[in-house]
PDB file of N, CA and C in Angstrom:
ATOM      1  N   MET A   1      -6.046 -23.178 -17.693  1.00  0.00           N
ATOM      2  CA  MET A   1      -5.673 -21.925 -17.076  1.00  0.00           C
ATOM      3  C   MET A   1      -4.156 -21.906 -16.915  1.00  0.00           C
ATOM      4  N   GLU A   2      -3.547 -20.816 -17.297  1.00  0.00           N
ATOM      5  CA  GLU A   2      -2.096 -20.689 -17.224  1.00  0.00           C
ATOM      6  C   GLU A   2      -1.640 -20.464 -15.788  1.00  0.00           C
ATOM      7  N   GLU A   3      -0.399 -20.838 -15.526  1.00  0.00           N
ATOM      8  CA  GLU A   3       0.167 -20.721 -14.180  1.00  0.00           C
ATOM      9  C   GLU A   3       0.182 -19.270 -13.700  1.00  0.00           C
ATOM     10  N   GLN A   4       0.470 -18.323 -14.590  1.00  0.00           N
ATOM     11  CA  GLN A   4       0.483 -16.915 -14.207  1.00  0.00           C
ATOM     12  C   GLN A   4      -0.908 -16.473 -13.750  1.00  0.00           C
ATOM     13  N   GLN A   5      -1.931 -16.903 -14.481  1.00  0.00           N
ATOM     14  CA  GLN A   5      -3.307 -16.558 -14.115  1.00  0.00           C
ATOM     15  C   GLN A   5      -3.673 -17.173 -12.768  1.00  0.00           C
ATOM     16  N   ARG A   6      -3.257 -18.414 -12.550  1.00  0.00           N
ATOM     17  CA  ARG A   6      -3.510 -19.057 -11.255  1.00  0.00           C
ATOM     18  C   ARG A   6      -2.850 -18.273 -10.124  1.00  0.00           C
ATOM     19  N   GLY A   7      -1.620 -17.819 -10.372  1.00  0.00           N
ATOM     20  CA  GLY A   7      -0.897 -17.036  -9.365  1.00  0.00           C
ATOM     21  C   GLY A   7      -1.605 -15.734  -9.039  1.00  0.00           C
ATOM     22  N   GLU A   8      -2.135 -15.074 -10.058  1.00  0.00           N
ATOM     23  CA  GLU A   8      -2.862 -13.820  -9.846  1.00  0.00           C
ATOM     24  C   GLU A   8      -4.142 -14.054  -9.047  1.00  0.00           C
ATOM     25  N   ILE A   9      -4.850 -15.114  -9.408  1.00  0.00           N
ATOM     26  CA  ILE A   9      -6.082 -15.443  -8.680  1.00  0.00           C
ATOM     27  C   ILE A   9      -5.758 -15.759  -7.226  1.00  0.00           C
ATOM     28  N   ARG A  10      -4.742 -16.560  -6.990  1.00  0.00           N
ATOM     29  CA  ARG A  10      -4.377 -16.935  -5.618  1.00  0.00           C
ATOM     30  C   ARG A  10      -3.967 -15.707  -4.822  1.00  0.00           C
ATOM     31  N   SER A  11      -3.235 -14.804  -5.448  1.00  0.00           N
ATOM     32  CA  SER A  11      -2.805 -13.581  -4.780  1.00  0.00           C
ATOM     33  C   SER A  11      -4.013 -12.727  -4.371  1.00  0.00           C
ATOM     34  N   GLN A  12      -4.964 -12.548  -5.275  1.00  0.00           N
ATOM     35  CA  GLN A  12      -6.176 -11.772  -4.967  1.00  0.00           C
ATOM     36  C   GLN A  12      -7.007 -12.472  -3.895  1.00  0.00           C
ATOM     37  N   PHE A  13      -7.104 -13.790  -3.986  1.00  0.00           N
ATOM     38  CA  PHE A  13      -7.832 -14.589  -3.005  1.00  0.00           C
ATOM     39  C   PHE A  13      -7.212 -14.390  -1.618  1.00  0.00           C
ATOM     40  N   ASP A  14      -5.884 -14.453  -1.559  1.00  0.00           N
ATOM     41  CA  ASP A  14      -5.196 -14.282  -0.276  1.00  0.00           C
ATOM     42  C   ASP A  14      -5.394 -12.882   0.295  1.00  0.00           C
ATOM     43  N   GLU A  15      -5.631 -11.892  -0.566  1.00  0.00           N
ATOM     44  CA  GLU A  15      -5.892 -10.536  -0.098  1.00  0.00           C
ATOM     45  C   GLU A  15      -7.296 -10.400   0.497  1.00  0.00           C
ATOM     46  N   VAL A  16      -8.290 -11.013  -0.131  1.00  0.00           N
ATOM     47  CA  VAL A  16      -9.669 -10.838   0.347  1.00  0.00           C
ATOM     48  C   VAL A  16     -10.035 -11.809   1.460  1.00  0.00           C
ATOM     49  N   VAL A  17      -9.450 -12.978   1.485  1.00  0.00           N
ATOM     50  CA  VAL A  17      -9.732 -13.943   2.559  1.00  0.00           C
ATOM     51  C   VAL A  17      -8.765 -13.625   3.695  1.00  0.00           C
ATOM     52  N   ASN A  18      -9.273 -12.918   4.696  1.00  0.00           N
ATOM     53  CA  ASN A  18      -8.405 -12.488   5.797  1.00  0.00           C
ATOM     54  C   ASN A  18      -8.625 -13.305   7.071  1.00  0.00           C
ATOM     55  N   MET A  19      -9.355 -14.388   6.961  1.00  0.00           N
ATOM     56  CA  MET A  19      -9.548 -15.295   8.093  1.00  0.00           C
ATOM     57  C   MET A  19      -8.713 -16.548   7.834  1.00  0.00           C
ATOM     58  N   THR A  20      -8.145 -17.103   8.898  1.00  0.00           N
ATOM     59  CA  THR A  20      -7.408 -18.357   8.758  1.00  0.00           C
ATOM     60  C   THR A  20      -8.406 -19.504   8.607  1.00  0.00           C
ATOM     61  N   ALA A  21      -7.918 -20.634   8.196  1.00  0.00           N
ATOM     62  CA  ALA A  21      -8.781 -21.813   8.076  1.00  0.00           C
ATOM     63  C   ALA A  21      -9.417 -22.131   9.426  1.00  0.00           C
ATOM     64  N   GLU A  22      -8.653 -22.007  10.491  1.00  0.00           N
ATOM     65  CA  GLU A  22      -9.164 -22.315  11.828  1.00  0.00           C
ATOM     66  C   GLU A  22     -10.242 -21.321  12.249  1.00  0.00           C
ATOM     67  N   GLU A  23      -9.997 -20.027  12.008  1.00  0.00           N
ATOM     68  CA  GLU A  23     -10.996 -19.003  12.362  1.00  0.00           C
ATOM     69  C   GLU A  23     -12.294 -19.228  11.587  1.00  0.00           C
ATOM     70  N   LEU A  24     -12.152 -19.481  10.306  1.00  0.00           N
ATOM     71  CA  LEU A  24     -13.329 -19.685   9.457  1.00  0.00           C
ATOM     72  C   LEU A  24     -14.079 -20.943   9.861  1.00  0.00           C
ATOM     73  N   GLU A  25     -13.368 -21.998  10.136  1.00  0.00           N
ATOM     74  CA  GLU A  25     -14.014 -23.251  10.546  1.00  0.00           C
ATOM     75  C   GLU A  25     -14.798 -23.060  11.845  1.00  0.00           C
ATOM     76  N   ARG A  26     -14.216 -22.371  12.820  1.00  0.00           N
ATOM     77  CA  ARG A  26     -14.920 -22.091  14.087  1.00  0.00           C
ATOM     78  C   ARG A  26     -16.151 -21.238  13.819  1.00  0.00           C
ATOM     79  N   TRP A  27     -16.006 -20.209  12.968  1.00  0.00           N
ATOM     80  CA  TRP A  27     -17.130 -19.334  12.633  1.00  0.00           C
ATOM     81  C   TRP A  27     -18.264 -20.127  12.002  1.00  0.00           C
ATOM     82  N   LEU A  28     -17.948 -21.011  11.077  1.00  0.00           N
ATOM     83  CA  LEU A  28     -18.970 -21.767  10.356  1.00  0.00           C
ATOM     84  C   LEU A  28     -19.788 -22.668  11.272  1.00  0.00           C
ATOM     85  N   GLU A  29     -19.258 -22.978  12.450  1.00  0.00           N
ATOM     86  CA  GLU A  29     -19.974 -23.816  13.417  1.00  0.00           C
ATOM     87  C   GLU A  29     -21.016 -23.025  14.209  1.00  0.00           C
ATOM     88  N   THR A  30     -20.983 -21.697  14.113  1.00  0.00           N
ATOM     89  CA  THR A  30     -21.894 -20.884  14.921  1.00  0.00           C
ATOM     90  C   THR A  30     -23.284 -20.806  14.290  1.00  0.00           C
ATOM     91  N   GLU A  31     -24.264 -20.577  15.158  1.00  0.00           N
ATOM     92  CA  GLU A  31     -25.644 -20.397  14.698  1.00  0.00           C
ATOM     93  C   GLU A  31     -25.757 -19.146  13.825  1.00  0.00           C
ATOM     94  N   GLU A  32     -25.022 -18.108  14.197  1.00  0.00           N
ATOM     95  CA  GLU A  32     -25.039 -16.857  13.434  1.00  0.00           C
ATOM     96  C   GLU A  32     -24.583 -17.090  11.987  1.00  0.00           C
ATOM     97  N   SER A  33     -23.543 -17.868  11.821  1.00  0.00           N
ATOM     98  CA  SER A  33     -23.036 -18.178  10.480  1.00  0.00           C
ATOM     99  C   SER A  33     -24.079 -18.924   9.656  1.00  0.00           C
ATOM    100  N   GLN A  34     -24.743 -19.855  10.295  1.00  0.00           N
ATOM    101  CA  GLN A  34     -25.697 -20.707   9.590  1.00  0.00           C
ATOM    102  C   GLN A  34     -27.032 -20.016   9.326  1.00  0.00           C
ATOM    103  N   SER A  35     -27.227 -18.827   9.904  1.00  0.00           N
ATOM    104  CA  SER A  35     -28.524 -18.160   9.775  1.00  0.00           C
ATOM    105  C   SER A  35     -28.570 -17.098   8.678  1.00  0.00           C
ATOM    106  N   VAL A  36     -27.469 -16.858   7.978  1.00  0.00           N
ATOM    107  CA  VAL A  36     -27.451 -15.814   6.951  1.00  0.00           C
ATOM    108  C   VAL A  36     -27.262 -16.398   5.556  1.00  0.00           C
ATOM    109  N   GLY A  37     -27.758 -15.666   4.566  1.00  0.00           N
ATOM    110  CA  GLY A  37     -27.547 -16.041   3.172  1.00  0.00           C
ATOM    111  C   GLY A  37     -28.713 -16.797   2.577  1.00  0.00           C
ATOM    112  N   GLU A  38     -28.629 -16.948   1.260  1.00  0.00           N
ATOM    113  CA  GLU A  38     -29.645 -17.688   0.516  1.00  0.00           C
ATOM    114  C   GLU A  38     -29.452 -19.177   0.744  1.00  0.00           C
ATOM    115  N   SER A  39     -30.518 -19.847   1.163  1.00  0.00           N
ATOM    116  CA  SER A  39     -30.434 -21.271   1.463  1.00  0.00           C
ATOM    117  C   SER A  39     -30.595 -22.129   0.225  1.00  0.00           C
ATOM    118  N   GLU A  40     -29.813 -23.168   0.199  1.00  0.00           N
ATOM    119  CA  GLU A  40     -29.889 -24.161  -0.864  1.00  0.00           C
ATOM    120  C   GLU A  40     -29.880 -25.520  -0.180  1.00  0.00           C
ATOM    121  N   HIS A  41     -31.016 -26.161  -0.103  1.00  0.00           N
ATOM    122  CA  HIS A  41     -31.149 -27.462   0.561  1.00  0.00           C
ATOM    123  C   HIS A  41     -30.752 -27.380   2.036  1.00  0.00           C
ATOM    124  N   GLY A  42     -31.144 -26.285   2.702  1.00  0.00           N
ATOM    125  CA  GLY A  42     -30.902 -26.146   4.130  1.00  0.00           C
ATOM    126  C   GLY A  42     -29.605 -25.476   4.506  1.00  0.00           C
ATOM    127  N   GLU A  43     -28.704 -25.298   3.574  1.00  0.00           N
ATOM    128  CA  GLU A  43     -27.431 -24.639   3.861  1.00  0.00           C
ATOM    129  C   GLU A  43     -27.248 -23.489   2.881  1.00  0.00           C
ATOM    130  N   SER A  44     -26.850 -22.331   3.382  1.00  0.00           N
ATOM    131  CA  SER A  44     -26.691 -21.170   2.503  1.00  0.00           C
ATOM    132  C   SER A  44     -25.494 -21.352   1.572  1.00  0.00           C
ATOM    133  N   LYS A  45     -25.542 -20.635   0.464  1.00  0.00           N
ATOM    134  CA  LYS A  45     -24.431 -20.675  -0.498  1.00  0.00           C
ATOM    135  C   LYS A  45     -23.151 -20.185   0.162  1.00  0.00           C
ATOM    136  N   GLY A  46     -23.268 -19.155   1.005  1.00  0.00           N
ATOM    137  CA  GLY A  46     -22.096 -18.635   1.699  1.00  0.00           C
ATOM    138  C   GLY A  46     -21.494 -19.646   2.652  1.00  0.00           C
ATOM    139  N   HIS A  47     -22.347 -20.389   3.335  1.00  0.00           N
ATOM    140  CA  HIS A  47     -21.857 -21.405   4.263  1.00  0.00           C
ATOM    141  C   HIS A  47     -21.156 -22.526   3.492  1.00  0.00           C
ATOM    142  N   GLN A  48     -21.733 -22.940   2.381  1.00  0.00           N
ATOM    143  CA  GLN A  48     -21.083 -23.942   1.524  1.00  0.00           C
ATOM    144  C   GLN A  48     -19.738 -23.418   1.037  1.00  0.00           C
ATOM    145  N   SER A  49     -19.736 -22.154   0.626  1.00  0.00           N
ATOM    146  CA  SER A  49     -18.505 -21.536   0.150  1.00  0.00           C
ATOM    147  C   SER A  49     -17.451 -21.536   1.250  1.00  0.00           C
ATOM    148  N   GLY A  50     -17.849 -21.199   2.458  1.00  0.00           N
ATOM    149  CA  GLY A  50     -16.910 -21.175   3.571  1.00  0.00           C
ATOM    150  C   GLY A  50     -16.246 -22.513   3.795  1.00  0.00           C
ATOM    151  N   ARG A  51     -17.025 -23.583   3.715  1.00  0.00           N
ATOM    152  CA  ARG A  51     -16.437 -24.921   3.882  1.00  0.00           C
ATOM    153  C   ARG A  51     -15.404 -25.193   2.782  1.00  0.00           C
ATOM    154  N   ARG A  52     -15.726 -24.769   1.575  1.00  0.00           N
ATOM    155  CA  ARG A  52     -14.792 -24.968   0.457  1.00  0.00           C
ATOM    156  C   ARG A  52     -13.549 -24.100   0.630  1.00  0.00           C
ATOM    157  N   ILE A  53     -13.718 -22.881   1.133  1.00  0.00           N
ATOM    158  CA  ILE A  53     -12.580 -21.995   1.380  1.00  0.00           C
ATOM    159  C   ILE A  53     -11.637 -22.628   2.402  1.00  0.00           C
ATOM    160  N   VAL A  54     -12.186 -23.218   3.451  1.00  0.00           N
ATOM    161  CA  VAL A  54     -11.350 -23.893   4.452  1.00  0.00           C
ATOM    162  C   VAL A  54     -10.501 -24.958   3.768  1.00  0.00           C
ATOM    163  N   ARG A  55     -11.116 -25.741   2.897  1.00  0.00           N
ATOM    164  CA  ARG A  55     -10.368 -26.796   2.198  1.00  0.00           C
ATOM    165  C   ARG A  55      -9.277 -26.190   1.316  1.00  0.00           C
ATOM    166  N   ILE A  56      -9.601 -25.113   0.607  1.00  0.00           N
ATOM    167  CA  ILE A  56      -8.618 -24.448  -0.259  1.00  0.00           C
ATOM    168  C   ILE A  56      -7.455 -23.922   0.573  1.00  0.00           C
ATOM    169  N   LEU A  57      -7.760 -23.281   1.699  1.00  0.00           N
ATOM    170  CA  LEU A  57      -6.713 -22.730   2.555  1.00  0.00           C
ATOM    171  C   LEU A  57      -5.782 -23.812   3.084  1.00  0.00           C
ATOM    172  N   ARG A  58      -6.294 -24.999   3.267  1.00  0.00           N
ATOM    173  CA  ARG A  58      -5.490 -26.102   3.804  1.00  0.00           C
ATOM    174  C   ARG A  58      -4.792 -26.912   2.710  1.00  0.00           C
ATOM    175  N   SER A  59      -5.014 -26.552   1.462  1.00  0.00           N
ATOM    176  CA  SER A  59      -4.419 -27.286   0.343  1.00  0.00           C
ATOM    177  C   SER A  59      -3.169 -26.592  -0.169  1.00  0.00           C
ATOM    178  N   SER A  60      -2.259 -27.387  -0.679  1.00  0.00           N
ATOM    179  CA  SER A  60      -1.101 -26.793  -1.354  1.00  0.00           C
ATOM    180  C   SER A  60      -1.538 -26.391  -2.757  1.00  0.00           C
ATOM    181  N   ARG A  61      -0.801 -25.501  -3.365  1.00  0.00           N
ATOM    182  CA  ARG A  61      -1.159 -25.040  -4.713  1.00  0.00           C
ATOM    183  C   ARG A  61      -1.269 -26.193  -5.694  1.00  0.00           C
ATOM    184  N   GLY A  62      -0.429 -27.188  -5.537  1.00  0.00           N
ATOM    185  CA  GLY A  62      -0.448 -28.339  -6.437  1.00  0.00           C
ATOM    186  C   GLY A  62      -1.696 -29.197  -6.306  1.00  0.00           C
ATOM    187  N   GLU A  63      -2.366 -29.097  -5.180  1.00  0.00           N
ATOM    188  CA  GLU A  63      -3.584 -29.892  -4.950  1.00  0.00           C
ATOM    189  C   GLU A  63      -4.838 -29.233  -5.504  1.00  0.00           C
ATOM    190  N   LEU A  64      -4.746 -27.950  -5.887  1.00  0.00           N
ATOM    191  CA  LEU A  64      -5.916 -27.209  -6.354  1.00  0.00           C
ATOM    192  C   LEU A  64      -6.188 -27.477  -7.823  1.00  0.00           C
ATOM    193  N   ASP A  65      -7.469 -27.620  -8.156  1.00  0.00           N
ATOM    194  CA  ASP A  65      -7.847 -27.865  -9.553  1.00  0.00           C
ATOM    195  C   ASP A  65      -8.550 -26.639 -10.137  1.00  0.00           C
ATOM    196  N   GLU A  66      -8.979 -26.750 -11.375  1.00  0.00           N
ATOM    197  CA  GLU A  66      -9.632 -25.634 -12.073  1.00  0.00           C
ATOM    198  C   GLU A  66     -10.872 -25.144 -11.312  1.00  0.00           C
ATOM    199  N   GLN A  67     -11.652 -26.067 -10.764  1.00  0.00           N
ATOM    200  CA  GLN A  67     -12.854 -25.680 -10.029  1.00  0.00           C
ATOM    201  C   GLN A  67     -12.503 -24.888  -8.778  1.00  0.00           C
ATOM    202  N   ASP A  68     -11.383 -25.224  -8.144  1.00  0.00           N
ATOM    203  CA  ASP A  68     -10.950 -24.466  -6.973  1.00  0.00           C
ATOM    204  C   ASP A  68     -10.603 -23.031  -7.369  1.00  0.00           C
ATOM    205  N   TYR A  69      -9.908 -22.880  -8.489  1.00  0.00           N
ATOM    206  CA  TYR A  69      -9.555 -21.532  -8.939  1.00  0.00           C
ATOM    207  C   TYR A  69     -10.804 -20.752  -9.360  1.00  0.00           C
ATOM    208  N   GLU A  70     -11.758 -21.416  -9.946  1.00  0.00           N
ATOM    209  CA  GLU A  70     -13.020 -20.751 -10.287  1.00  0.00           C
ATOM    210  C   GLU A  70     -13.742 -20.313  -9.020  1.00  0.00           C
ATOM    211  N   HIS A  71     -13.688 -21.144  -7.986  1.00  0.00           N
ATOM    212  CA  HIS A  71     -14.321 -20.764  -6.729  1.00  0.00           C
ATOM    213  C   HIS A  71     -13.584 -19.579  -6.106  1.00  0.00           C
ATOM    214  N   MET A  72     -12.276 -19.574  -6.182  1.00  0.00           N
ATOM    215  CA  MET A  72     -11.522 -18.440  -5.647  1.00  0.00           C
ATOM    216  C   MET A  72     -11.928 -17.154  -6.364  1.00  0.00           C
ATOM    217  N   ARG A  73     -12.132 -17.219  -7.673  1.00  0.00           N
ATOM    218  CA  ARG A  73     -12.608 -16.050  -8.424  1.00  0.00           C
ATOM    219  C   ARG A  73     -13.972 -15.590  -7.911  1.00  0.00           C
ATOM    220  N   LYS A  74     -14.834 -16.554  -7.642  1.00  0.00           N
ATOM    221  CA  LYS A  74     -16.174 -16.249  -7.141  1.00  0.00           C
ATOM    222  C   LYS A  74     -16.085 -15.550  -5.781  1.00  0.00           C
ATOM    223  N   VAL A  75     -15.200 -16.033  -4.925  1.00  0.00           N
ATOM    224  CA  VAL A  75     -15.002 -15.434  -3.598  1.00  0.00           C
ATOM    225  C   VAL A  75     -14.505 -13.998  -3.743  1.00  0.00           C
ATOM    226  N   ILE A  76     -13.537 -13.782  -4.607  1.00  0.00           N
ATOM    227  CA  ILE A  76     -12.984 -12.446  -4.842  1.00  0.00           C
ATOM    228  C   ILE A  76     -14.099 -11.487  -5.267  1.00  0.00           C
ATOM    229  N   GLY A  77     -14.901 -11.902  -6.230  1.00  0.00           N
ATOM    230  CA  GLY A  77     -15.998 -11.063  -6.715  1.00  0.00           C
ATOM    231  C   GLY A  77     -17.018 -10.777  -5.640  1.00  0.00           C
ATOM    232  N   TYR A  78     -17.406 -11.802  -4.894  1.00  0.00           N
ATOM    233  CA  TYR A  78     -18.401 -11.635  -3.833  1.00  0.00           C
ATOM    234  C   TYR A  78     -17.919 -10.622  -2.800  1.00  0.00           C
ATOM    235  N   VAL A  79     -16.698 -10.807  -2.311  1.00  0.00           N
ATOM    236  CA  VAL A  79     -16.172  -9.925  -1.270  1.00  0.00           C
ATOM    237  C   VAL A  79     -16.092  -8.488  -1.782  1.00  0.00           C
ATOM    238  N   HIS A  80     -15.577  -8.294  -2.980  1.00  0.00           N
ATOM    239  CA  HIS A  80     -15.473  -6.933  -3.527  1.00  0.00           C
ATOM    240  C   HIS A  80     -16.851  -6.276  -3.672  1.00  0.00           C
ATOM    241  N   ARG A  81     -17.832  -7.020  -4.180  1.00  0.00           N
ATOM    242  CA  ARG A  81     -19.184  -6.472  -4.348  1.00  0.00           C
ATOM    243  C   ARG A  81     -19.789  -6.063  -3.010  1.00  0.00           C
ATOM    244  N   HIS A  82     -19.654  -6.916  -2.024  1.00  0.00           N
ATOM    245  CA  HIS A  82     -20.280  -6.641  -0.731  1.00  0.00           C
ATOM    246  C   HIS A  82     -19.544  -5.567   0.064  1.00  0.00           C
ATOM    247  N   LEU A  83     -18.249  -5.480  -0.079  1.00  0.00           N
ATOM    248  CA  LEU A  83     -17.520  -4.411   0.599  1.00  0.00           C
ATOM    249  C   LEU A  83     -17.905  -3.045   0.030  1.00  0.00           C
ATOM    250  N   ALA A  84     -18.333  -3.021  -1.217  1.00  0.00           N
ATOM    251  CA  ALA A  84     -18.743  -1.768  -1.849  1.00  0.00           C
ATOM    252  C   ALA A  84     -20.135  -1.324  -1.406  1.00  0.00           C
ATOM    253  N   GLN A  85     -20.853  -2.171  -0.652  1.00  0.00           N
ATOM    254  CA  GLN A  85     -22.221  -1.869  -0.235  1.00  0.00           C
ATOM    255  C   GLN A  85     -22.410  -2.051   1.270  1.00  0.00           C
ATOM    256  N   PRO A  86     -21.589  -1.398   2.088  1.00  0.00           N
ATOM    257  CA  PRO A  86     -21.742  -1.597   3.535  1.00  0.00           C
ATOM    258  C   PRO A  86     -23.002  -0.914   4.058  1.00  0.00           C
ATOM    259  N   PRO A  87     -23.579  -1.464   5.107  1.00  0.00           N
ATOM    260  CA  PRO A  87     -24.720  -0.786   5.733  1.00  0.00           C
ATOM    261  C   PRO A  87     -24.222   0.437   6.493  1.00  0.00           C
ATOM    262  N   SER A  88     -25.115   1.333   6.781  1.00  0.00           N
ATOM    263  CA  SER A  88     -24.710   2.506   7.555  1.00  0.00           C
ATOM    264  C   SER A  88     -24.634   2.127   9.029  1.00  0.00           C
ATOM    265  N   GLY A  89     -23.841   2.874   9.744  1.00  0.00           N
ATOM    266  CA  GLY A  89     -23.741   2.660  11.183  1.00  0.00           C
ATOM    267  C   GLY A  89     -22.763   1.577  11.564  1.00  0.00           C
ATOM    268  N   ASP A  90     -22.941   1.086  12.764  1.00  0.00           N
ATOM    269  CA  ASP A  90     -22.074   0.063  13.343  1.00  0.00           C
ATOM    270  C   ASP A  90     -22.323  -1.266  12.636  1.00  0.00           C
ATOM    271  N   THR A  91     -21.286  -1.858  12.092  1.00  0.00           N
ATOM    272  CA  THR A  91     -21.445  -3.102  11.314  1.00  0.00           C
ATOM    273  C   THR A  91     -21.076  -4.359  12.102  1.00  0.00           C
ATOM    274  N   ARG A  92     -20.733  -4.213  13.371  1.00  0.00           N
ATOM    275  CA  ARG A  92     -20.269  -5.374  14.146  1.00  0.00           C
ATOM    276  C   ARG A  92     -21.286  -6.513  14.218  1.00  0.00           C
ATOM    277  N   GLU A  93     -22.549  -6.195  14.382  1.00  0.00           N
ATOM    278  CA  GLU A  93     -23.582  -7.216  14.594  1.00  0.00           C
ATOM    279  C   GLU A  93     -24.552  -7.286  13.411  1.00  0.00           C
ATOM    280  N   THR A  94     -24.063  -7.163  12.204  1.00  0.00           N
ATOM    281  CA  THR A  94     -24.950  -7.119  11.038  1.00  0.00           C
ATOM    282  C   THR A  94     -24.899  -8.411  10.232  1.00  0.00           C
ATOM    283  N   ARG A  95     -25.978  -8.655   9.512  1.00  0.00           N
ATOM    284  CA  ARG A  95     -26.021  -9.789   8.583  1.00  0.00           C
ATOM    285  C   ARG A  95     -24.976  -9.601   7.487  1.00  0.00           C
ATOM    286  N   TRP A  96     -24.711  -8.353   7.126  1.00  0.00           N
ATOM    287  CA  TRP A  96     -23.694  -8.026   6.120  1.00  0.00           C
ATOM    288  C   TRP A  96     -22.335  -8.582   6.540  1.00  0.00           C
ATOM    289  N   ARG A  97     -21.939  -8.302   7.760  1.00  0.00           N
ATOM    290  CA  ARG A  97     -20.649  -8.805   8.263  1.00  0.00           C
ATOM    291  C   ARG A  97     -20.669 -10.326   8.370  1.00  0.00           C
ATOM    292  N   SER A  98     -21.756 -10.877   8.881  1.00  0.00           N
ATOM    293  CA  SER A  98     -21.838 -12.330   9.023  1.00  0.00           C
ATOM    294  C   SER A  98     -21.726 -13.021   7.670  1.00  0.00           C
ATOM    295  N   SER A  99     -22.389 -12.460   6.688  1.00  0.00           N
ATOM    296  CA  SER A  99     -22.334 -13.031   5.341  1.00  0.00           C
ATOM    297  C   SER A  99     -20.911 -12.972   4.785  1.00  0.00           C
ATOM    298  N   LEU A 100     -20.259 -11.840   4.951  1.00  0.00           N
ATOM    299  CA  LEU A 100     -18.871 -11.723   4.482  1.00  0.00           C
ATOM    300  C   LEU A 100     -17.962 -12.723   5.195  1.00  0.00           C
ATOM    301  N   LYS A 101     -18.185 -12.916   6.480  1.00  0.00           N
ATOM    302  CA  LYS A 101     -17.362 -13.877   7.220  1.00  0.00           C
ATOM    303  C   LYS A 101     -17.555 -15.296   6.694  1.00  0.00           C
ATOM    304  N   ASN A 102     -18.778 -15.624   6.251  1.00  0.00           N
ATOM    305  CA  ASN A 102     -18.989 -16.944   5.662  1.00  0.00           C
ATOM    306  C   ASN A 102     -18.124 -17.134   4.416  1.00  0.00           C
ATOM    307  N   TRP A 103     -17.795 -16.025   3.759  1.00  0.00           N
ATOM    308  CA  TRP A 103     -16.970 -16.057   2.554  1.00  0.00           C
ATOM    309  C   TRP A 103     -15.495 -15.807   2.882  1.00  0.00           C
ATOM    310  N   GLY A 104     -15.136 -15.864   4.173  1.00  0.00           N
ATOM    311  CA  GLY A 104     -13.736 -15.796   4.583  1.00  0.00           C
ATOM    312  C   GLY A 104     -13.186 -14.414   4.825  1.00  0.00           C
ATOM    313  N   HIS A 105     -14.050 -13.393   4.821  1.00  0.00           N
ATOM    314  CA  HIS A 105     -13.578 -12.029   5.022  1.00  0.00           C
ATOM    315  C   HIS A 105     -14.278 -11.384   6.201  1.00  0.00           C
ATOM    316  N   ASP A 106     -13.500 -10.988   7.204  1.00  0.00           N
ATOM    317  CA  ASP A 106     -14.059 -10.235   8.321  1.00  0.00           C
ATOM    318  C   ASP A 106     -13.720  -8.772   8.106  1.00  0.00           C
ATOM    319  N   PRO A 107     -14.713  -7.938   7.777  1.00  0.00           N
ATOM    320  CA  PRO A 107     -14.429  -6.536   7.475  1.00  0.00           C
ATOM    321  C   PRO A 107     -13.911  -5.735   8.668  1.00  0.00           C
ATOM    322  N   LEU A 108     -13.979  -6.284   9.852  1.00  0.00           N
ATOM    323  CA  LEU A 108     -13.473  -5.572  11.019  1.00  0.00           C
ATOM    324  C   LEU A 108     -12.037  -5.947  11.373  1.00  0.00           C
ATOM    325  N   LYS A 109     -11.451  -6.829  10.620  1.00  0.00           N
ATOM    326  CA  LYS A 109     -10.043  -7.217  10.854  1.00  0.00           C
ATOM    327  C   LYS A 109      -9.112  -6.195  10.253  1.00  0.00           C
TER     328      LYS A 109
END
């Protein structure tokens, strides 16, 4: 992957991930966070993704590898898809919002 492409991915990732590493880490510890999403061996894909996002946020660009950039692409796609399908009404207490937060995006921020 070329450096320009990495820069574009990181820029888009930084736009969609609007939670800090600390905010996301605290969120991932909650029961609400752990109760949403498709489970894979007891942990949802979104929850696994959130843990990886925390690591990415705490890493310097030089520490990131191809798999990290692929994961950032996955996060970008997930957030964009889900933002395009909001539930009607108040979204503060919805599984939709909780799921997005597992992926590092709080739609109410």
